[in-house]
Amino acid sequence: MKHEAFATTARGLRRESPPMVLFEKAKRLGVWNPSALDFTQDVRDWAALDDVERDAILLLTSLFVAGEEAVTLDLLPLVNVIAREGRIEEEIYLTSFLWEEAKHTDFFARFLTDVAGNSTDLSHYHQDHYRRVFYEALPEALGALWTDPSPAALARASTTYNLVVEGIIAETGYHAYFIALDKKNVLPATRKGVALIKQDEARHLAYGMYLLSRLMSEDPSLWNVVQDTMNTLLVSVMGLIHETFGRYEVPPFGEDESTFTNYAMGQFQKRLDRLERARGISREEVDQMAIAIIAAEDA
């Protein structure tokens, strides 16, 4: 498809737009290197953990590293749709997505080799509900965009990726990491890396909320797509938590399954409530709401 014009010479970049504000944050905060983290103390701490604690962290890490690899593999169709629509500011910001998801994959893979010393197949930790989300629903929703770039397909893909995978599952996983490791004050470089990843993912989630709000401002009926997608995947989210934490008779690190199901449900409701407020508002109000959310994260 030929280009008819370029935004940079026809009108200039809209630097005040939410995607460009997020891009500025990505340039400032997102350029960190997993290879620069010093895992020396983490190796000592790992050796001092008991077998159940090590198993729990290996399980959690196996879910994260495969999840980060999955989004790295599956993200391109979303970028492609935004590019084909000529939304240059959004595409510019999305260039950081793929880099950051790949970097997160690198971080968790380094933990497995450099700290845990693990070279075995960890896929046995991936049970039915995890597989439903990461092996099926995520690639299905994002892959559909290659042939169906409609707003409904885009809303379904962003809901699956940004709201469910990043906004509920990953956020709950971070919560588990920090509860486990902060309580024992162990694995300092791992905690630092997870905190940096969480910071990156907060920008991804902010973009997802902006994208879905923009889509709904243009077509309020897409709220039904968002709600149906979230409700459908919620079953697998709750099942995934049960698979993960329900396997231990005595909860590792002293937290039972309800801690994480309650946290996940809180994240689910928070995302849903915020998006419901975006129904029926103007595009200008969508931008204002997104900028306010981004600014609040900096406060």
Protein backbone atom coordinates (compact mmCIF):
# COMPACT_ATOMS: atom_id res chain seq x y z
CA MET A 1 0.00 0.00 0.00
CA LYS A 2 1.43 3.35 -1.05
CA HIS A 3 1.81 6.26 1.35
CA GLU A 4 -0.21 9.38 0.61
CA ALA A 5 1.40 11.60 3.24
CA PHE A 6 3.51 11.50 6.39
CA ALA A 7 2.32 12.91 9.69
CA THR A 8 5.72 14.31 10.58
CA THR A 9 5.70 16.62 7.55
CA ALA A 10 1.94 17.14 7.19
CA ARG A 11 0.99 18.02 10.76
CA GLY A 12 3.81 17.04 13.13
CA LEU A 13 3.69 14.52 15.94
CA ARG A 14 1.05 15.04 18.63
CA ARG A 15 3.44 14.93 21.54
CA GLU A 16 0.70 15.72 24.05
CA SER A 17 -1.22 12.56 23.09
CA PRO A 18 -1.30 9.69 25.62
CA PRO A 19 0.81 7.32 23.46
CA MET A 20 3.58 9.89 23.08
CA VAL A 21 3.51 10.69 26.79
CA LEU A 22 3.92 6.96 27.43
CA PHE A 23 6.75 6.82 24.88
CA GLU A 24 8.59 9.55 26.78
CA LYS A 25 8.25 7.46 29.94
CA ALA A 26 9.44 4.35 28.09
CA LYS A 27 12.57 6.16 26.90
CA ARG A 28 13.26 7.45 30.40
CA LEU A 29 12.40 4.39 32.49
CA GLY A 30 12.36 1.38 30.19
CA VAL A 31 16.01 1.15 29.16
CA TRP A 32 17.34 -1.19 31.81
CA ASN A 33 19.46 -4.27 31.22
CA PRO A 34 18.77 -7.66 32.83
CA SER A 35 22.42 -8.55 32.21
CA ALA A 36 23.51 -5.69 34.49
CA LEU A 37 21.75 -7.11 37.57
CA ASP A 38 24.11 -8.65 40.11
CA PHE A 39 22.68 -12.02 41.17
CA THR A 40 25.51 -12.87 43.59
CA GLN A 41 23.36 -12.58 46.74
CA ASP A 42 20.43 -14.22 44.98
CA VAL A 43 22.51 -17.36 44.37
CA ARG A 44 23.30 -17.55 48.09
CA ASP A 45 19.67 -16.93 49.04
CA TRP A 46 18.44 -19.57 46.61
CA ALA A 47 20.64 -22.21 48.22
CA ALA A 48 19.20 -21.32 51.65
CA LEU A 49 15.54 -21.74 50.65
CA ASP A 50 13.81 -25.02 51.39
CA ASP A 51 12.62 -27.40 48.68
CA VAL A 52 8.99 -26.24 48.75
CA GLU A 53 9.98 -22.58 48.54
CA ARG A 54 12.29 -23.25 45.60
CA ASP A 55 9.56 -25.27 43.88
CA ALA A 56 7.03 -22.45 44.34
CA ILE A 57 9.41 -19.85 42.89
CA LEU A 58 10.32 -22.14 39.98
CA LEU A 59 6.63 -22.67 39.28
CA LEU A 60 5.89 -18.94 39.36
CA THR A 61 8.91 -18.16 37.19
CA SER A 62 7.94 -20.83 34.65
CA LEU A 63 4.56 -19.10 34.27
CA PHE A 64 6.15 -15.70 33.85
CA VAL A 65 8.95 -16.63 31.45
CA ALA A 66 6.60 -18.55 29.14
CA GLY A 67 4.03 -15.76 29.38
CA GLU A 68 6.60 -13.13 28.43
CA GLU A 69 7.78 -15.31 25.54
CA ALA A 70 4.16 -15.75 24.44
CA VAL A 71 3.44 -12.02 24.24
CA THR A 72 6.77 -11.45 22.47
CA LEU A 73 5.74 -14.01 19.86
CA ASP A 74 2.12 -12.85 19.57
CA LEU A 75 2.35 -9.04 19.67
CA LEU A 76 3.11 -8.19 16.03
CA PRO A 77 -0.48 -8.41 14.69
CA LEU A 78 -1.56 -5.68 17.12
CA VAL A 79 1.30 -3.42 16.01
CA ASN A 80 0.43 -4.18 12.39
CA VAL A 81 -3.21 -3.10 12.77
CA ILE A 82 -2.26 0.18 14.43
CA ALA A 83 0.34 0.84 11.71
CA ARG A 84 -2.13 0.10 8.92
CA GLU A 85 -4.55 2.59 10.46
CA GLY A 86 -1.83 5.26 10.22
CA ARG A 87 -1.81 6.00 13.97
CA ILE A 88 1.85 6.95 14.07
CA GLU A 89 1.91 8.14 17.69
CA GLU A 90 0.46 4.84 18.87
CA GLU A 91 2.80 2.82 16.67
CA ILE A 92 5.81 4.77 17.95
CA TYR A 93 4.88 3.85 21.50
CA LEU A 94 4.14 0.24 20.53
CA THR A 95 7.71 -0.17 19.29
CA SER A 96 8.71 -0.21 22.96
CA PHE A 97 6.26 -3.03 23.73
CA LEU A 98 8.09 -5.69 21.76
CA TRP A 99 11.50 -4.61 23.07
CA GLU A 100 10.25 -4.65 26.66
CA GLU A 101 8.45 -8.01 26.41
CA ALA A 102 11.62 -9.54 24.91
CA LYS A 103 13.68 -7.98 27.72
CA HIS A 104 11.34 -9.48 30.31
CA THR A 105 11.76 -12.90 28.71
CA ASP A 106 15.52 -12.42 28.95
CA PHE A 107 15.29 -11.48 32.64
CA PHE A 108 13.30 -14.53 33.75
CA ALA A 109 15.43 -16.85 31.59
CA ARG A 110 18.54 -15.42 33.26
CA PHE A 111 17.06 -16.06 36.70
CA LEU A 112 16.48 -19.70 35.79
CA THR A 113 20.04 -20.26 34.60
CA ASP A 114 22.06 -17.84 36.74
CA VAL A 115 20.24 -18.17 40.06
CA ALA A 116 18.21 -21.38 40.05
CA GLY A 117 20.76 -23.25 37.91
CA ASN A 118 17.85 -24.93 36.18
CA SER A 119 18.16 -26.45 32.73
CA THR A 120 15.25 -28.90 32.92
CA ASP A 121 11.89 -28.75 31.15
CA LEU A 122 9.55 -26.66 33.31
CA SER A 123 6.49 -26.97 31.08
CA HIS A 124 4.99 -29.55 33.47
CA TYR A 125 4.08 -26.55 35.64
CA HIS A 126 1.75 -25.33 32.85
CA GLN A 127 -1.61 -26.87 33.65
CA ASP A 128 -4.98 -26.68 31.89
CA HIS A 129 -6.09 -23.14 32.76
CA TYR A 130 -2.67 -21.64 32.12
CA ARG A 131 -2.58 -23.39 28.76
CA ARG A 132 -6.05 -22.12 27.93
CA VAL A 133 -4.87 -18.52 28.35
CA PHE A 134 -1.30 -18.53 27.05
CA TYR A 135 -1.26 -21.45 24.63
CA GLU A 136 -4.70 -20.74 23.15
CA ALA A 137 -6.65 -17.57 24.00
CA LEU A 138 -3.75 -15.10 23.68
CA PRO A 139 -2.43 -16.28 20.28
CA GLU A 140 -6.00 -16.75 19.02
CA ALA A 141 -7.08 -13.20 19.94
CA LEU A 142 -3.94 -11.49 18.66
CA GLY A 143 -3.47 -13.76 15.64
CA ALA A 144 -7.01 -13.05 14.47
CA LEU A 145 -5.90 -9.48 13.75
CA TRP A 146 -3.88 -10.65 10.73
CA THR A 147 -7.14 -11.28 8.86
CA ASP A 148 -9.68 -9.31 10.89
CA PRO A 149 -8.49 -5.80 11.81
CA SER A 150 -12.00 -4.70 12.85
CA PRO A 151 -12.54 -2.62 16.02
CA ALA A 152 -14.29 -5.61 17.63
CA ALA A 153 -11.31 -7.91 16.97
CA LEU A 154 -8.94 -5.19 18.20
CA ALA A 155 -11.00 -4.76 21.38
CA ARG A 156 -10.98 -8.52 21.99
CA ALA A 157 -7.21 -8.72 21.46
CA SER A 158 -6.40 -5.76 23.72
CA THR A 159 -8.74 -7.02 26.44
CA THR A 160 -7.07 -10.43 26.37
CA TYR A 161 -3.53 -9.07 26.28
CA ASN A 162 -3.58 -5.81 28.21
CA LEU A 163 -6.41 -6.26 30.67
CA VAL A 164 -6.41 -9.98 31.45
CA VAL A 165 -2.82 -11.12 30.86
CA GLU A 166 -1.08 -7.93 32.03
CA GLY A 167 -3.69 -6.28 34.22
CA ILE A 168 -4.90 -9.31 36.19
CA ILE A 169 -2.66 -12.37 35.76
CA ALA A 170 0.72 -10.59 35.72
CA GLU A 171 -0.26 -8.14 38.46
CA THR A 172 -1.31 -11.05 40.67
CA GLY A 173 1.97 -12.79 39.89
CA TYR A 174 3.98 -9.72 40.89
CA HIS A 175 1.99 -9.62 44.11
CA ALA A 176 2.98 -13.23 44.76
CA TYR A 177 6.67 -12.53 44.09
CA PHE A 178 6.78 -9.57 46.44
CA ILE A 179 4.81 -11.29 49.22
CA ALA A 180 7.15 -14.28 49.09
CA LEU A 181 10.48 -12.52 48.66
CA ASP A 182 9.92 -9.35 50.68
CA LYS A 183 8.73 -11.34 53.69
CA LYS A 184 11.98 -13.31 53.79
CA ASN A 185 14.09 -10.42 52.46
CA VAL A 186 15.76 -12.65 49.87
CA LEU A 187 16.75 -12.52 46.17
CA PRO A 188 17.36 -8.73 46.00
CA ALA A 189 18.34 -8.58 42.31
CA THR A 190 15.34 -10.71 41.38
CA ARG A 191 13.03 -8.39 43.30
CA LYS A 192 14.61 -5.38 41.57
CA GLY A 193 14.12 -6.97 38.14
CA VAL A 194 10.49 -7.85 38.87
CA ALA A 195 9.87 -4.28 40.09
CA LEU A 196 11.31 -2.89 36.85
CA ILE A 197 9.17 -5.27 34.82
CA LYS A 198 6.09 -4.20 36.76
CA GLN A 199 6.96 -0.58 35.93
CA ASP A 200 7.21 -1.43 32.22
CA GLU A 201 3.93 -3.35 32.30
CA ALA A 202 2.14 -0.45 33.98
CA ARG A 203 2.78 1.57 30.81
CA HIS A 204 1.49 -1.30 28.67
CA LEU A 205 -1.67 -1.47 30.74
CA ALA A 206 -2.14 2.30 30.53
CA TYR A 207 -1.97 2.06 26.75
CA GLY A 208 -4.44 -0.83 26.71
CA MET A 209 -6.89 1.18 28.80
CA TYR A 210 -6.42 4.12 26.44
CA LEU A 211 -6.88 1.98 23.31
CA LEU A 212 -10.04 0.33 24.61
CA SER A 213 -11.44 3.66 25.79
CA ARG A 214 -10.73 5.18 22.38
CA LEU A 215 -12.45 2.27 20.62
CA MET A 216 -15.50 2.52 22.88
CA SER A 217 -15.75 6.28 22.41
CA GLU A 218 -16.03 5.58 18.68
CA ASP A 219 -18.40 2.61 19.13
CA PRO A 220 -20.00 2.21 22.59
CA SER A 221 -21.29 -1.26 21.68
CA LEU A 222 -17.71 -2.57 21.98
CA TRP A 223 -18.24 -2.50 25.75
CA ASN A 224 -20.05 -5.81 25.26
CA VAL A 225 -16.97 -7.30 23.56
CA VAL A 226 -14.71 -6.13 26.40
CA GLN A 227 -17.06 -7.37 29.11
CA ASP A 228 -17.71 -10.74 27.46
CA THR A 229 -13.98 -11.34 26.89
CA MET A 230 -13.08 -10.51 30.47
CA ASN A 231 -15.89 -12.60 31.94
CA THR A 232 -15.00 -15.57 29.75
CA LEU A 233 -11.32 -15.48 30.67
CA LEU A 234 -12.00 -14.86 34.37
CA VAL A 235 -12.83 -18.56 34.74
CA SER A 236 -9.34 -19.47 33.54
CA VAL A 237 -7.74 -16.75 35.68
CA MET A 238 -9.30 -18.17 38.84
CA GLY A 239 -8.49 -21.70 37.70
CA LEU A 240 -4.88 -20.72 37.04
CA ILE A 241 -4.50 -19.38 40.58
CA HIS A 242 -5.96 -22.59 42.00
CA GLU A 243 -3.60 -24.67 39.84
CA THR A 244 -0.65 -22.60 41.00
CA PHE A 245 -1.22 -22.27 44.73
CA GLY A 246 -3.59 -25.15 45.38
CA ARG A 247 -0.89 -27.74 44.77
CA TYR A 248 0.69 -27.17 48.19
CA GLU A 249 -0.81 -28.66 51.35
CA VAL A 250 1.04 -26.06 53.39
CA PRO A 251 1.18 -22.70 51.55
CA PRO A 252 4.77 -21.70 50.78
CA PHE A 253 5.77 -18.38 52.35
CA GLY A 254 2.68 -18.52 54.58
CA GLU A 255 0.02 -17.20 52.17
CA ASP A 256 -2.95 -19.31 51.13
CA GLU A 257 -4.79 -19.30 47.80
CA SER A 258 -7.47 -16.82 48.91
CA THR A 259 -4.85 -14.05 49.19
CA PHE A 260 -4.29 -14.24 45.46
CA THR A 261 -7.85 -14.90 44.30
CA ASN A 262 -9.01 -11.86 46.27
CA TYR A 263 -6.24 -9.75 44.78
CA ALA A 264 -7.05 -10.94 41.23
CA MET A 265 -10.75 -10.19 41.67
CA GLY A 266 -9.88 -6.71 42.91
CA GLN A 267 -7.75 -6.10 39.81
CA PHE A 268 -10.54 -7.45 37.60
CA GLN A 269 -13.15 -5.14 39.11
CA LYS A 270 -10.84 -2.10 39.04
CA ARG A 271 -10.13 -2.51 35.31
CA LEU A 272 -13.79 -3.11 34.51
CA ASP A 273 -14.97 -0.09 36.52
CA ARG A 274 -12.43 2.20 34.88
CA LEU A 275 -13.43 1.10 31.40
CA GLU A 276 -17.11 1.41 32.17
CA ARG A 277 -16.51 5.06 33.00
CA ALA A 278 -15.11 5.50 29.48
CA ARG A 279 -18.36 4.45 27.80
CA GLY A 280 -20.01 7.24 25.90
CA ILE A 281 -17.38 9.93 26.52
CA SER A 282 -15.77 11.98 23.76
CA ARG A 283 -12.36 11.36 22.24
CA GLU A 284 -11.06 14.51 23.95
CA GLU A 285 -12.28 13.17 27.30
CA VAL A 286 -10.62 9.83 26.59
CA ASP A 287 -7.29 11.61 26.10
CA GLN A 288 -7.77 13.68 29.25
CA MET A 289 -8.64 10.61 31.32
CA ALA A 290 -5.60 8.72 29.99
CA ILE A 291 -3.23 11.61 30.72
CA ALA A 292 -4.64 11.89 34.25
CA ILE A 293 -4.04 8.19 34.87
CA ILE A 294 -0.47 8.38 33.54
CA ALA A 295 0.22 11.47 35.68
CA ALA A 296 -1.20 9.75 38.77
CA GLU A 297 1.30 6.91 38.34
CA ASP A 298 4.14 9.45 38.50
CA ALA A 299 2.80 11.08 41.65
